[in-house]
């Protein structure tokens, strides 16, 4: 997938490199951009520090990553809007 280039460092630094293929699948299905994926994985890492998964890391990641993708899109749209003012 074309998103893969440049995303590895973000997933390595957050400890989710093993879930990069899943993240790409989820983001690709919903049409998210590379910038939104980067923002989302940072948000996932922050949530992981406070609320790590107790049983199933993959299921936890899928749920939280989808949630954070939409938050990332909103944050980036807000930043673009504020820059245009």
Protein backbone atom coordinates (compact mmCIF):
# COMPACT_ATOMS: atom_id res chain seq x y z
CA UNK A 1 0.00 0.00 0.00
CA UNK A 2 1.26 3.48 -0.82
CA UNK A 3 0.79 4.68 2.78
CA UNK A 4 3.49 2.38 4.12
CA UNK A 5 6.44 4.54 3.09
CA UNK A 6 7.36 6.82 5.96
CA UNK A 7 5.00 5.39 8.55
CA UNK A 8 7.33 2.77 10.00
CA UNK A 9 9.23 5.16 12.33
CA UNK A 10 5.99 6.28 13.97
CA UNK A 11 4.80 2.73 14.55
CA UNK A 12 8.24 1.60 15.76
CA UNK A 13 8.56 4.47 18.25
CA UNK A 14 5.09 3.82 19.65
CA UNK A 15 5.61 0.07 19.94
CA UNK A 16 2.90 -0.85 17.46
CA UNK A 17 5.00 -1.89 14.47
CA UNK A 18 3.43 -5.34 14.53
CA UNK A 19 0.03 -3.71 13.96
CA UNK A 20 1.04 -1.51 11.02
CA UNK A 21 -0.64 -3.83 8.45
CA UNK A 22 -3.89 -3.72 10.44
CA UNK A 23 -3.67 0.06 10.76
CA UNK A 24 -3.15 0.42 7.01
CA UNK A 25 -6.13 -1.82 6.31
CA UNK A 26 -8.41 0.11 8.66
CA UNK A 27 -7.26 3.50 7.39
CA UNK A 28 -7.40 2.43 3.76
CA UNK A 29 -10.96 1.14 4.05
CA UNK A 30 -12.12 4.49 5.38
CA UNK A 31 -10.00 6.67 3.09
CA UNK A 32 -7.76 8.32 5.67
CA UNK A 33 -4.58 10.14 4.64
CA UNK A 34 -1.02 9.52 5.77
CA UNK A 35 -1.12 12.62 7.98
CA UNK A 36 -4.29 11.36 9.65
CA UNK A 37 -2.67 7.97 10.27
CA UNK A 38 0.37 9.60 11.87
CA UNK A 39 -1.80 11.77 14.09
CA UNK A 40 -3.93 8.77 15.04
CA UNK A 41 -1.01 6.51 16.00
CA UNK A 42 0.35 9.25 18.27
CA UNK A 43 -3.06 9.50 19.93
CA UNK A 44 -3.20 5.71 20.30
CA UNK A 45 0.23 5.73 21.96
CA UNK A 46 -0.95 8.40 24.42
CA UNK A 47 -4.05 6.37 25.28
CA UNK A 48 -1.92 3.23 25.65
CA UNK A 49 0.13 4.93 28.36
CA UNK A 50 -2.98 5.54 30.46
CA UNK A 51 -5.19 2.60 29.47
CA UNK A 52 -3.12 -0.31 28.15
CA UNK A 53 -4.96 -3.39 26.85
CA UNK A 54 -5.56 -6.04 29.47
CA UNK A 55 -6.18 -9.06 27.23
CA UNK A 56 -6.23 -8.67 23.47
CA UNK A 57 -3.81 -6.03 22.16
CA UNK A 58 -4.97 -6.40 18.56
CA UNK A 59 -8.66 -5.93 19.35
CA UNK A 60 -7.86 -3.01 21.66
CA UNK A 61 -5.70 -1.41 18.97
CA UNK A 62 -8.34 -1.80 16.24
CA UNK A 63 -11.03 -0.22 18.41
CA UNK A 64 -8.87 2.67 19.63
CA UNK A 65 -7.18 3.30 16.27
CA UNK A 66 -10.54 3.68 14.50
CA UNK A 67 -11.66 6.09 17.20
CA UNK A 68 -8.43 8.08 16.97
CA UNK A 69 -8.52 8.22 13.15
CA UNK A 70 -11.73 10.23 13.29
CA UNK A 71 -10.29 12.47 16.02
CA UNK A 72 -7.16 12.98 13.93
CA UNK A 73 -9.21 14.02 10.91
CA UNK A 74 -11.14 16.52 13.01
CA UNK A 75 -7.97 17.94 14.53
CA UNK A 76 -6.28 18.34 11.16
CA UNK A 77 -9.36 19.94 9.61
CA UNK A 78 -9.53 22.37 12.54
CA UNK A 79 -5.85 23.26 12.11
CA UNK A 80 -6.37 23.86 8.38
CA UNK A 81 -9.40 26.01 9.08
CA UNK A 82 -7.56 28.11 11.66
CA UNK A 83 -4.64 28.63 9.26
CA UNK A 84 -7.01 29.85 6.57
CA UNK A 85 -8.52 32.56 8.79
